[in-house]
């Protein structure tokens, strides 16, 4: 049996384009080639590898064979590796960025943002910064759309083409105004939160379409920004999860109350620096990511859970959960 031949990078990218757009004709349009040229490239690739990549008999739409699916996976790896090599080489040739487009999750604590950006300004005075603030999947969406080079995103299922680096977490806790029934009740039974309006942040991206996170009530108000949620919570209109650093002063002044709810205890909102795999960060962006990592390493442990209102002692700590507001 003869050994398989060596496919060209162009042949592999033709294969990837056919699968991505769903047809030979669509691949021809995208690559600005004749359909016959696309077919010829695939025929040559099949001949070199000695396997059939597409089932051409049972369906008009290109369907990968079992061998085709294996080759596709390897083709993606090879293409991604070449893209990464080219991107890194481009960074070496270009040197320091002239500007950086950064998008941050709105839940990243203010003191971390200020610390990172003040230090960035001092370290890279010639680099212009363009800052966006978003929430949930909208952070990663701006990176995918190349609006931002680097983002700091909350927990999100793995998205193709994006690299992630852990930069810590922020503690989310359920709160309400002191006059709210859940606050007046003190220790709430399981299910109590379902009977009251829960204030929930909405995702302005399609990445988490149809998904809800840490939503337990059937009665929800959907809000587009965290400031509105904060305002309505203090007004007693509903209850919801908030980042503890943002409302620490409100808790101390009695403007908000940390709710004792056994089935909604909050949790750690894990954050990652994200960037496109084919556009790795340059020196300034890499420095900023490292600064955020160092912040997380130096951060104190999570705050204590809900105080016992009768004795002032602390209850048992809740487990870490994938919580979002």
C-alpha atoms as a PDB file:
ATOM      1  CA  UNK A   1       0.000   0.000   0.000  1.00  0.00           C
ATOM      2  CA  UNK A   2       1.429   3.379  -1.001  1.00  0.00           C
ATOM      3  CA  UNK A   3       1.959   6.146   1.531  1.00  0.00           C
ATOM      4  CA  UNK A   4      -0.394   9.172   1.471  1.00  0.00           C
ATOM      5  CA  UNK A   5       0.948  12.212  -0.335  1.00  0.00           C
ATOM      6  CA  UNK A   6       1.519  15.627   1.214  1.00  0.00           C
ATOM      7  CA  UNK A   7      -1.412  18.028   0.748  1.00  0.00           C
ATOM      8  CA  UNK A   8      -0.789  21.706   0.174  1.00  0.00           C
ATOM      9  CA  UNK A   9      -1.992  24.388   2.570  1.00  0.00           C
ATOM     10  CA  UNK A  10      -4.180  25.765  -0.227  1.00  0.00           C
ATOM     11  CA  UNK A  11      -5.940  22.415  -0.647  1.00  0.00           C
ATOM     12  CA  UNK A  12      -6.650  22.238   3.069  1.00  0.00           C
ATOM     13  CA  UNK A  13      -8.062  25.750   3.098  1.00  0.00           C
ATOM     14  CA  UNK A  14     -10.305  24.922   0.146  1.00  0.00           C
ATOM     15  CA  UNK A  15     -11.628  21.992   2.195  1.00  0.00           C
ATOM     16  CA  UNK A  16     -12.214  24.233   5.223  1.00  0.00           C
ATOM     17  CA  UNK A  17     -14.008  26.840   3.111  1.00  0.00           C
ATOM     18  CA  UNK A  18     -16.360  24.250   1.564  1.00  0.00           C
ATOM     19  CA  UNK A  19     -17.336  22.969   4.993  1.00  0.00           C
ATOM     20  CA  UNK A  20     -17.717  26.476   6.450  1.00  0.00           C
ATOM     21  CA  UNK A  21     -19.964  27.813   3.655  1.00  0.00           C
ATOM     22  CA  UNK A  22     -21.755  24.516   2.934  1.00  0.00           C
ATOM     23  CA  UNK A  23     -21.171  24.129  -0.812  1.00  0.00           C
ATOM     24  CA  UNK A  24     -18.569  23.968  -3.566  1.00  0.00           C
ATOM     25  CA  UNK A  25     -20.199  26.914  -5.350  1.00  0.00           C
ATOM     26  CA  UNK A  26     -20.191  28.993  -2.150  1.00  0.00           C
ATOM     27  CA  UNK A  27     -16.518  28.213  -1.611  1.00  0.00           C
ATOM     28  CA  UNK A  28     -15.791  29.263  -5.182  1.00  0.00           C
ATOM     29  CA  UNK A  29     -17.480  32.631  -4.613  1.00  0.00           C
ATOM     30  CA  UNK A  30     -15.693  33.217  -1.310  1.00  0.00           C
ATOM     31  CA  UNK A  31     -12.280  32.302  -2.742  1.00  0.00           C
ATOM     32  CA  UNK A  32     -12.977  34.083  -6.048  1.00  0.00           C
ATOM     33  CA  UNK A  33     -12.340  30.959  -8.113  1.00  0.00           C
ATOM     34  CA  UNK A  34     -14.321  28.874 -10.569  1.00  0.00           C
ATOM     35  CA  UNK A  35     -16.362  26.004  -9.125  1.00  0.00           C
ATOM     36  CA  UNK A  36     -14.462  23.610 -11.385  1.00  0.00           C
ATOM     37  CA  UNK A  37     -11.192  24.737  -9.764  1.00  0.00           C
ATOM     38  CA  UNK A  38     -12.613  24.030  -6.305  1.00  0.00           C
ATOM     39  CA  UNK A  39     -13.732  20.552  -7.409  1.00  0.00           C
ATOM     40  CA  UNK A  40     -10.327  19.901  -8.982  1.00  0.00           C
ATOM     41  CA  UNK A  41      -8.536  20.911  -5.739  1.00  0.00           C
ATOM     42  CA  UNK A  42     -10.636  18.493  -3.684  1.00  0.00           C
ATOM     43  CA  UNK A  43     -10.192  15.695  -6.235  1.00  0.00           C
ATOM     44  CA  UNK A  44      -6.418  16.175  -6.053  1.00  0.00           C
ATOM     45  CA  UNK A  45      -6.516  16.232  -2.246  1.00  0.00           C
ATOM     46  CA  UNK A  46      -8.498  12.986  -2.191  1.00  0.00           C
ATOM     47  CA  UNK A  47      -6.071  11.405  -4.660  1.00  0.00           C
ATOM     48  CA  UNK A  48      -3.054  12.450  -2.598  1.00  0.00           C
ATOM     49  CA  UNK A  49      -4.498  11.144   0.682  1.00  0.00           C
ATOM     50  CA  UNK A  50      -6.097   8.064  -0.855  1.00  0.00           C
ATOM     51  CA  UNK A  51      -9.497   8.620   0.812  1.00  0.00           C
ATOM     52  CA  UNK A  52     -12.887  10.050  -0.147  1.00  0.00           C
ATOM     53  CA  UNK A  53     -13.624  13.259   1.746  1.00  0.00           C
ATOM     54  CA  UNK A  54     -17.212  13.898   0.604  1.00  0.00           C
ATOM     55  CA  UNK A  55     -20.208  11.643  -0.010  1.00  0.00           C
ATOM     56  CA  UNK A  56     -21.290  12.696  -3.518  1.00  0.00           C
ATOM     57  CA  UNK A  57     -23.882   9.972  -4.115  1.00  0.00           C
ATOM     58  CA  UNK A  58     -26.552  10.160  -1.399  1.00  0.00           C
ATOM     59  CA  UNK A  59     -26.980  13.932  -1.174  1.00  0.00           C
ATOM     60  CA  UNK A  60     -26.497  17.033  -3.319  1.00  0.00           C
ATOM     61  CA  UNK A  61     -25.113  19.033  -0.387  1.00  0.00           C
ATOM     62  CA  UNK A  62     -21.491  18.149   0.443  1.00  0.00           C
ATOM     63  CA  UNK A  63     -21.454  15.709   3.365  1.00  0.00           C
ATOM     64  CA  UNK A  64     -18.159  14.691   4.927  1.00  0.00           C
ATOM     65  CA  UNK A  65     -17.324  11.005   5.112  1.00  0.00           C
ATOM     66  CA  UNK A  66     -15.836   9.540   8.280  1.00  0.00           C
ATOM     67  CA  UNK A  67     -12.372   9.989   6.765  1.00  0.00           C
ATOM     68  CA  UNK A  68     -13.365  13.517   5.730  1.00  0.00           C
ATOM     69  CA  UNK A  69     -14.233  14.470   9.310  1.00  0.00           C
ATOM     70  CA  UNK A  70     -10.823  13.251  10.480  1.00  0.00           C
ATOM     71  CA  UNK A  71      -9.018  15.171   7.756  1.00  0.00           C
ATOM     72  CA  UNK A  72     -11.099  18.280   8.511  1.00  0.00           C
ATOM     73  CA  UNK A  73     -10.033  18.267  12.176  1.00  0.00           C
ATOM     74  CA  UNK A  74      -6.375  18.010  11.196  1.00  0.00           C
ATOM     75  CA  UNK A  75      -6.819  20.697   8.521  1.00  0.00           C
ATOM     76  CA  UNK A  76      -8.201  23.114  11.111  1.00  0.00           C
ATOM     77  CA  UNK A  77      -5.228  22.446  13.375  1.00  0.00           C
ATOM     78  CA  UNK A  78      -2.728  23.000  10.572  1.00  0.00           C
ATOM     79  CA  UNK A  79      -4.448  26.141   9.281  1.00  0.00           C
ATOM     80  CA  UNK A  80      -4.712  27.555  12.792  1.00  0.00           C
ATOM     81  CA  UNK A  81      -1.040  26.866  13.412  1.00  0.00           C
ATOM     82  CA  UNK A  82      -0.021  28.680  10.246  1.00  0.00           C
ATOM     83  CA  UNK A  83      -2.265  31.630  11.115  1.00  0.00           C
ATOM     84  CA  UNK A  84      -0.716  31.760  14.576  1.00  0.00           C
ATOM     85  CA  UNK A  85       2.809  31.651  13.120  1.00  0.00           C
ATOM     86  CA  UNK A  86       2.029  34.496  10.709  1.00  0.00           C
ATOM     87  CA  UNK A  87       0.381  36.594  13.414  1.00  0.00           C
ATOM     88  CA  UNK A  88       3.287  36.183  15.831  1.00  0.00           C
ATOM     89  CA  UNK A  89       5.805  36.990  13.117  1.00  0.00           C
ATOM     90  CA  UNK A  90       3.808  40.097  12.229  1.00  0.00           C
ATOM     91  CA  UNK A  91       3.992  41.179  15.864  1.00  0.00           C
ATOM     92  CA  UNK A  92       7.775  40.738  15.883  1.00  0.00           C
ATOM     93  CA  UNK A  93       8.111  42.820  12.723  1.00  0.00           C
ATOM     94  CA  UNK A  94       5.790  45.573  13.901  1.00  0.00           C
ATOM     95  CA  UNK A  95       7.028  45.807  17.494  1.00  0.00           C
ATOM     96  CA  UNK A  96       5.020  47.833  20.007  1.00  0.00           C
ATOM     97  CA  UNK A  97       1.378  48.602  19.235  1.00  0.00           C
ATOM     98  CA  UNK A  98       0.455  52.210  18.461  1.00  0.00           C
ATOM     99  CA  UNK A  99      -3.001  51.720  20.007  1.00  0.00           C
ATOM    100  CA  UNK A 100      -4.915  49.141  22.012  1.00  0.00           C
ATOM    101  CA  UNK A 101      -8.647  48.458  21.825  1.00  0.00           C
ATOM    102  CA  UNK A 102      -9.753  46.962  25.139  1.00  0.00           C
ATOM    103  CA  UNK A 103     -13.184  45.714  26.245  1.00  0.00           C
ATOM    104  CA  UNK A 104     -13.917  44.990  29.909  1.00  0.00           C
ATOM    105  CA  UNK A 105     -16.751  43.149  31.602  1.00  0.00           C
ATOM    106  CA  UNK A 106     -18.768  45.665  33.604  1.00  0.00           C
ATOM    107  CA  UNK A 107     -18.427  43.405  36.662  1.00  0.00           C
ATOM    108  CA  UNK A 108     -14.634  43.801  36.829  1.00  0.00           C
ATOM    109  CA  UNK A 109     -14.121  45.756  40.096  1.00  0.00           C
ATOM    110  CA  UNK A 110     -13.394  49.450  39.714  1.00  0.00           C
ATOM    111  CA  UNK A 111     -10.231  49.312  41.795  1.00  0.00           C
ATOM    112  CA  UNK A 112      -8.776  46.649  39.487  1.00  0.00           C
ATOM    113  CA  UNK A 113      -9.609  48.675  36.381  1.00  0.00           C
ATOM    114  CA  UNK A 114      -8.057  51.859  37.781  1.00  0.00           C
ATOM    115  CA  UNK A 115      -4.926  50.072  38.992  1.00  0.00           C
ATOM    116  CA  UNK A 116      -4.377  48.304  35.656  1.00  0.00           C
ATOM    117  CA  UNK A 117      -4.966  51.351  33.456  1.00  0.00           C
ATOM    118  CA  UNK A 118      -2.957  53.797  35.566  1.00  0.00           C
ATOM    119  CA  UNK A 119      -0.028  51.378  35.476  1.00  0.00           C
ATOM    120  CA  UNK A 120      -0.536  50.848  31.731  1.00  0.00           C
ATOM    121  CA  UNK A 121      -0.434  54.605  31.097  1.00  0.00           C
ATOM    122  CA  UNK A 122       2.846  54.903  32.963  1.00  0.00           C
ATOM    123  CA  UNK A 123       4.412  51.870  31.274  1.00  0.00           C
ATOM    124  CA  UNK A 124       3.273  52.677  27.707  1.00  0.00           C
ATOM    125  CA  UNK A 125       2.794  56.445  27.378  1.00  0.00           C
ATOM    126  CA  UNK A 126       2.895  56.286  23.558  1.00  0.00           C
ATOM    127  CA  UNK A 127       0.127  53.670  23.199  1.00  0.00           C
ATOM    128  CA  UNK A 128      -3.381  55.084  22.717  1.00  0.00           C
ATOM    129  CA  UNK A 129      -6.125  53.199  24.556  1.00  0.00           C
ATOM    130  CA  UNK A 130      -9.699  52.712  23.326  1.00  0.00           C
ATOM    131  CA  UNK A 131     -11.882  51.354  26.147  1.00  0.00           C
ATOM    132  CA  UNK A 132     -15.246  49.604  25.804  1.00  0.00           C
ATOM    133  CA  UNK A 133     -17.368  48.266  28.688  1.00  0.00           C
ATOM    134  CA  UNK A 134     -19.809  45.427  28.069  1.00  0.00           C
ATOM    135  CA  UNK A 135     -21.341  42.466  29.866  1.00  0.00           C
ATOM    136  CA  UNK A 136     -21.599  38.699  29.431  1.00  0.00           C
ATOM    137  CA  UNK A 137     -21.070  37.458  25.848  1.00  0.00           C
ATOM    138  CA  UNK A 138     -20.864  40.970  24.393  1.00  0.00           C
ATOM    139  CA  UNK A 139     -17.245  41.205  25.608  1.00  0.00           C
ATOM    140  CA  UNK A 140     -16.124  38.167  23.617  1.00  0.00           C
ATOM    141  CA  UNK A 141     -18.287  39.227  20.669  1.00  0.00           C
ATOM    142  CA  UNK A 142     -16.344  42.493  20.317  1.00  0.00           C
ATOM    143  CA  UNK A 143     -13.107  40.503  20.299  1.00  0.00           C
ATOM    144  CA  UNK A 144     -14.470  38.079  17.690  1.00  0.00           C
ATOM    145  CA  UNK A 145     -15.600  41.029  15.562  1.00  0.00           C
ATOM    146  CA  UNK A 146     -12.114  42.600  15.859  1.00  0.00           C
ATOM    147  CA  UNK A 147     -13.550  45.720  17.470  1.00  0.00           C
ATOM    148  CA  UNK A 148     -11.325  44.983  20.478  1.00  0.00           C
ATOM    149  CA  UNK A 149      -7.930  43.307  20.568  1.00  0.00           C
ATOM    150  CA  UNK A 150      -8.224  42.071  24.154  1.00  0.00           C
ATOM    151  CA  UNK A 151     -11.215  41.583  26.426  1.00  0.00           C
ATOM    152  CA  UNK A 152     -11.818  40.662  30.031  1.00  0.00           C
ATOM    153  CA  UNK A 153     -14.837  38.379  29.977  1.00  0.00           C
ATOM    154  CA  UNK A 154     -16.919  36.556  32.533  1.00  0.00           C
ATOM    155  CA  UNK A 155     -17.571  32.807  32.342  1.00  0.00           C
ATOM    156  CA  UNK A 156     -18.572  31.694  28.867  1.00  0.00           C
ATOM    157  CA  UNK A 157     -18.612  28.323  27.141  1.00  0.00           C
ATOM    158  CA  UNK A 158     -15.585  27.748  24.930  1.00  0.00           C
ATOM    159  CA  UNK A 159     -15.814  29.815  21.752  1.00  0.00           C
ATOM    160  CA  UNK A 160     -13.828  28.732  18.701  1.00  0.00           C
ATOM    161  CA  UNK A 161     -10.898  30.880  17.656  1.00  0.00           C
ATOM    162  CA  UNK A 162     -10.526  32.546  21.058  1.00  0.00           C
ATOM    163  CA  UNK A 163      -7.736  32.052  23.593  1.00  0.00           C
ATOM    164  CA  UNK A 164      -8.438  32.552  27.312  1.00  0.00           C
ATOM    165  CA  UNK A 165      -6.173  33.371  30.276  1.00  0.00           C
ATOM    166  CA  UNK A 166      -7.544  33.341  33.824  1.00  0.00           C
ATOM    167  CA  UNK A 167      -7.416  36.712  35.605  1.00  0.00           C
ATOM    168  CA  UNK A 168      -9.300  35.925  38.813  1.00  0.00           C
ATOM    169  CA  UNK A 169     -12.910  36.346  39.824  1.00  0.00           C
ATOM    170  CA  UNK A 170     -15.359  38.649  41.583  1.00  0.00           C
ATOM    171  CA  UNK A 171     -17.738  37.560  44.315  1.00  0.00           C
ATOM    172  CA  UNK A 172     -21.440  37.820  43.409  1.00  0.00           C
ATOM    173  CA  UNK A 173     -24.005  37.976  46.224  1.00  0.00           C
ATOM    174  CA  UNK A 174     -27.827  38.242  46.301  1.00  0.00           C
ATOM    175  CA  UNK A 175     -29.054  41.571  47.676  1.00  0.00           C
ATOM    176  CA  UNK A 176     -32.163  43.695  48.084  1.00  0.00           C
ATOM    177  CA  UNK A 177     -33.192  46.941  49.772  1.00  0.00           C
ATOM    178  CA  UNK A 178     -33.805  46.669  53.536  1.00  0.00           C
ATOM    179  CA  UNK A 179     -37.559  47.172  53.062  1.00  0.00           C
ATOM    180  CA  UNK A 180     -37.822  44.305  50.561  1.00  0.00           C
ATOM    181  CA  UNK A 181     -39.751  41.241  51.855  1.00  0.00           C
ATOM    182  CA  UNK A 182     -36.747  38.952  51.329  1.00  0.00           C
ATOM    183  CA  UNK A 183     -34.613  41.267  53.475  1.00  0.00           C
ATOM    184  CA  UNK A 184     -37.301  41.649  56.170  1.00  0.00           C
ATOM    185  CA  UNK A 185     -37.696  37.885  56.405  1.00  0.00           C
ATOM    186  CA  UNK A 186     -34.108  37.400  57.560  1.00  0.00           C
ATOM    187  CA  UNK A 187     -33.555  33.701  56.916  1.00  0.00           C
ATOM    188  CA  UNK A 188     -35.529  32.717  53.823  1.00  0.00           C
ATOM    189  CA  UNK A 189     -36.776  29.193  53.037  1.00  0.00           C
ATOM    190  CA  UNK A 190     -35.811  27.526  49.735  1.00  0.00           C
ATOM    191  CA  UNK A 191     -37.825  28.912  46.842  1.00  0.00           C
ATOM    192  CA  UNK A 192     -38.600  32.272  48.433  1.00  0.00           C
ATOM    193  CA  UNK A 193     -36.831  34.162  45.639  1.00  0.00           C
ATOM    194  CA  UNK A 194     -39.177  32.708  43.024  1.00  0.00           C
ATOM    195  CA  UNK A 195     -42.064  34.742  44.444  1.00  0.00           C
ATOM    196  CA  UNK A 196     -40.427  38.125  43.864  1.00  0.00           C
ATOM    197  CA  UNK A 197     -39.144  40.119  40.892  1.00  0.00           C
ATOM    198  CA  UNK A 198     -35.520  39.281  40.091  1.00  0.00           C
ATOM    199  CA  UNK A 199     -33.452  41.941  38.324  1.00  0.00           C
ATOM    200  CA  UNK A 200     -31.303  40.338  35.615  1.00  0.00           C
ATOM    201  CA  UNK A 201     -28.694  41.697  33.210  1.00  0.00           C
ATOM    202  CA  UNK A 202     -29.325  40.919  29.537  1.00  0.00           C
ATOM    203  CA  UNK A 203     -26.655  39.875  27.058  1.00  0.00           C
ATOM    204  CA  UNK A 204     -26.477  42.127  23.995  1.00  0.00           C
ATOM    205  CA  UNK A 205     -24.641  39.463  21.992  1.00  0.00           C
ATOM    206  CA  UNK A 206     -25.891  36.229  20.360  1.00  0.00           C
ATOM    207  CA  UNK A 207     -23.279  34.076  22.124  1.00  0.00           C
ATOM    208  CA  UNK A 208     -25.566  33.165  25.042  1.00  0.00           C
ATOM    209  CA  UNK A 209     -28.892  33.434  23.200  1.00  0.00           C
ATOM    210  CA  UNK A 210     -31.616  31.500  24.990  1.00  0.00           C
ATOM    211  CA  UNK A 211     -29.520  30.921  28.114  1.00  0.00           C
ATOM    212  CA  UNK A 212     -30.172  32.172  31.631  1.00  0.00           C
ATOM    213  CA  UNK A 213     -27.572  32.192  34.397  1.00  0.00           C
ATOM    214  CA  UNK A 214     -28.376  32.309  38.119  1.00  0.00           C
ATOM    215  CA  UNK A 215     -32.026  33.123  37.311  1.00  0.00           C
ATOM    216  CA  UNK A 216     -34.403  31.447  39.763  1.00  0.00           C
ATOM    217  CA  UNK A 217     -37.525  33.608  39.638  1.00  0.00           C
ATOM    218  CA  UNK A 218     -40.310  33.296  37.104  1.00  0.00           C
ATOM    219  CA  UNK A 219     -40.797  37.061  37.479  1.00  0.00           C
ATOM    220  CA  UNK A 220     -37.843  38.918  35.967  1.00  0.00           C
ATOM    221  CA  UNK A 221     -37.010  42.419  34.855  1.00  0.00           C
ATOM    222  CA  UNK A 222     -34.309  42.411  32.155  1.00  0.00           C
ATOM    223  CA  UNK A 223     -31.873  45.323  32.271  1.00  0.00           C
ATOM    224  CA  UNK A 224     -29.239  46.370  29.763  1.00  0.00           C
ATOM    225  CA  UNK A 225     -26.748  47.905  32.200  1.00  0.00           C
ATOM    226  CA  UNK A 226     -25.475  47.346  35.723  1.00  0.00           C
ATOM    227  CA  UNK A 227     -26.050  50.929  36.879  1.00  0.00           C
ATOM    228  CA  UNK A 228     -29.798  50.605  36.241  1.00  0.00           C
ATOM    229  CA  UNK A 229     -29.880  47.328  38.119  1.00  0.00           C
ATOM    230  CA  UNK A 230     -28.055  48.904  41.058  1.00  0.00           C
ATOM    231  CA  UNK A 231     -30.500  51.828  41.103  1.00  0.00           C
ATOM    232  CA  UNK A 232     -33.607  49.620  41.064  1.00  0.00           C
ATOM    233  CA  UNK A 233     -32.229  47.318  43.760  1.00  0.00           C
ATOM    234  CA  UNK A 234     -31.749  50.277  46.127  1.00  0.00           C
ATOM    235  CA  UNK A 235     -35.273  51.445  45.287  1.00  0.00           C
ATOM    236  CA  UNK A 236     -36.662  48.107  46.520  1.00  0.00           C
ATOM    237  CA  UNK A 237     -38.144  47.113  43.157  1.00  0.00           C
ATOM    238  CA  UNK A 238     -36.599  43.648  43.154  1.00  0.00           C
ATOM    239  CA  UNK A 239     -33.695  41.472  44.231  1.00  0.00           C
ATOM    240  CA  UNK A 240     -30.659  40.262  42.330  1.00  0.00           C
ATOM    241  CA  UNK A 241     -27.001  39.259  42.346  1.00  0.00           C
ATOM    242  CA  UNK A 242     -24.411  42.035  42.437  1.00  0.00           C
ATOM    243  CA  UNK A 243     -20.599  42.179  42.575  1.00  0.00           C
ATOM    244  CA  UNK A 244     -19.663  42.562  46.228  1.00  0.00           C
ATOM    245  CA  UNK A 245     -16.953  45.233  45.699  1.00  0.00           C
ATOM    246  CA  UNK A 246     -19.456  47.493  43.918  1.00  0.00           C
ATOM    247  CA  UNK A 247     -22.032  47.390  46.720  1.00  0.00           C
ATOM    248  CA  UNK A 248     -19.731  47.075  49.750  1.00  0.00           C
ATOM    249  CA  UNK A 249     -20.438  50.641  50.851  1.00  0.00           C
ATOM    250  CA  UNK A 250     -24.202  50.157  50.340  1.00  0.00           C
ATOM    251  CA  UNK A 251     -24.079  47.114  52.632  1.00  0.00           C
ATOM    252  CA  UNK A 252     -22.149  49.033  55.294  1.00  0.00           C
ATOM    253  CA  UNK A 253     -24.594  51.954  55.144  1.00  0.00           C
ATOM    254  CA  UNK A 254     -27.650  49.692  55.191  1.00  0.00           C
ATOM    255  CA  UNK A 255     -28.845  50.749  51.745  1.00  0.00           C
ATOM    256  CA  UNK A 256     -28.750  47.105  50.635  1.00  0.00           C
ATOM    257  CA  UNK A 257     -28.945  43.822  52.547  1.00  0.00           C
ATOM    258  CA  UNK A 258     -27.068  40.604  51.795  1.00  0.00           C
ATOM    259  CA  UNK A 259     -29.925  38.104  51.484  1.00  0.00           C
ATOM    260  CA  UNK A 260     -29.905  34.773  53.274  1.00  0.00           C
ATOM    261  CA  UNK A 261     -31.264  32.464  50.556  1.00  0.00           C
ATOM    262  CA  UNK A 262     -30.202  28.790  50.719  1.00  0.00           C
ATOM    263  CA  UNK A 263     -30.941  28.152  47.037  1.00  0.00           C
ATOM    264  CA  UNK A 264     -29.331  31.367  45.713  1.00  0.00           C
ATOM    265  CA  UNK A 265     -26.108  31.990  47.582  1.00  0.00           C
ATOM    266  CA  UNK A 266     -24.210  33.723  44.785  1.00  0.00           C
ATOM    267  CA  UNK A 267     -20.714  32.602  43.887  1.00  0.00           C
ATOM    268  CA  UNK A 268     -17.503  33.476  42.104  1.00  0.00           C
ATOM    269  CA  UNK A 269     -17.861  35.128  38.697  1.00  0.00           C
ATOM    270  CA  UNK A 270     -14.708  33.823  37.020  1.00  0.00           C
ATOM    271  CA  UNK A 271     -12.975  36.132  34.571  1.00  0.00           C
ATOM    272  CA  UNK A 272     -10.613  35.531  31.645  1.00  0.00           C
ATOM    273  CA  UNK A 273      -8.561  37.736  29.384  1.00  0.00           C
ATOM    274  CA  UNK A 274      -9.608  36.790  25.846  1.00  0.00           C
ATOM    275  CA  UNK A 275      -8.141  37.433  22.414  1.00  0.00           C
ATOM    276  CA  UNK A 276      -8.449  35.984  18.925  1.00  0.00           C
ATOM    277  CA  UNK A 277      -6.139  33.029  18.324  1.00  0.00           C
ATOM    278  CA  UNK A 278      -5.104  34.503  14.965  1.00  0.00           C
ATOM    279  CA  UNK A 279      -4.340  37.919  16.514  1.00  0.00           C
ATOM    280  CA  UNK A 280      -2.211  37.329  19.626  1.00  0.00           C
ATOM    281  CA  UNK A 281      -1.595  40.370  21.838  1.00  0.00           C
ATOM    282  CA  UNK A 282       1.416  42.559  21.226  1.00  0.00           C
ATOM    283  CA  UNK A 283       3.856  43.722  23.913  1.00  0.00           C
ATOM    284  CA  UNK A 284       1.556  46.338  25.484  1.00  0.00           C
ATOM    285  CA  UNK A 285      -1.543  44.105  25.493  1.00  0.00           C
ATOM    286  CA  UNK A 286       0.498  41.193  26.872  1.00  0.00           C
ATOM    287  CA  UNK A 287       1.783  43.442  29.655  1.00  0.00           C
ATOM    288  CA  UNK A 288      -1.787  44.442  30.539  1.00  0.00           C
ATOM    289  CA  UNK A 289      -2.930  40.812  30.690  1.00  0.00           C
ATOM    290  CA  UNK A 290      -0.013  40.000  32.982  1.00  0.00           C
ATOM    291  CA  UNK A 291      -0.946  42.945  35.215  1.00  0.00           C
ATOM    292  CA  UNK A 292      -4.481  41.555  35.557  1.00  0.00           C
ATOM    293  CA  UNK A 293      -3.076  38.101  36.358  1.00  0.00           C
ATOM    294  CA  UNK A 294      -0.848  39.573  39.055  1.00  0.00           C
ATOM    295  CA  UNK A 295      -3.830  41.419  40.549  1.00  0.00           C
ATOM    296  CA  UNK A 296      -5.680  38.126  40.858  1.00  0.00           C
ATOM    297  CA  UNK A 297      -2.686  36.406  42.464  1.00  0.00           C
ATOM    298  CA  UNK A 298      -2.406  39.176  45.055  1.00  0.00           C
ATOM    299  CA  UNK A 299      -6.151  39.402  45.778  1.00  0.00           C
ATOM    300  CA  UNK A 300      -7.463  38.358  49.219  1.00  0.00           C
ATOM    301  CA  UNK A 301      -9.770  35.382  49.611  1.00  0.00           C
ATOM    302  CA  UNK A 302     -13.549  35.579  49.036  1.00  0.00           C
ATOM    303  CA  UNK A 303     -15.688  37.544  51.444  1.00  0.00           C
ATOM    304  CA  UNK A 304     -17.477  35.826  54.279  1.00  0.00           C
ATOM    305  CA  UNK A 305     -21.031  34.649  53.693  1.00  0.00           C
ATOM    306  CA  UNK A 306     -24.226  36.104  55.130  1.00  0.00           C
ATOM    307  CA  UNK A 307     -23.910  37.186  58.794  1.00  0.00           C
ATOM    308  CA  UNK A 308     -26.259  35.590  61.293  1.00  0.00           C
ATOM    309  CA  UNK A 309     -28.597  38.450  62.172  1.00  0.00           C
ATOM    310  CA  UNK A 310     -29.217  37.132  65.671  1.00  0.00           C
ATOM    311  CA  UNK A 311     -25.646  36.612  66.884  1.00  0.00           C
ATOM    312  CA  UNK A 312     -23.484  38.491  64.388  1.00  0.00           C
ATOM    313  CA  UNK A 313     -21.517  35.295  63.705  1.00  0.00           C
ATOM    314  CA  UNK A 314     -20.806  34.006  60.207  1.00  0.00           C
ATOM    315  CA  UNK A 315     -22.530  31.076  58.566  1.00  0.00           C
ATOM    316  CA  UNK A 316     -20.992  28.321  56.492  1.00  0.00           C
ATOM    317  CA  UNK A 317     -19.344  29.419  53.275  1.00  0.00           C
ATOM    318  CA  UNK A 318     -21.165  28.693  50.044  1.00  0.00           C
ATOM    319  CA  UNK A 319     -19.572  26.621  47.340  1.00  0.00           C
ATOM    320  CA  UNK A 320     -18.138  28.227  44.239  1.00  0.00           C
ATOM    321  CA  UNK A 321     -20.755  28.384  41.498  1.00  0.00           C
ATOM    322  CA  UNK A 322     -20.946  29.569  37.908  1.00  0.00           C
ATOM    323  CA  UNK A 323     -22.992  32.600  38.849  1.00  0.00           C
ATOM    324  CA  UNK A 324     -23.888  35.533  36.723  1.00  0.00           C
ATOM    325  CA  UNK A 325     -26.121  38.463  37.522  1.00  0.00           C
END
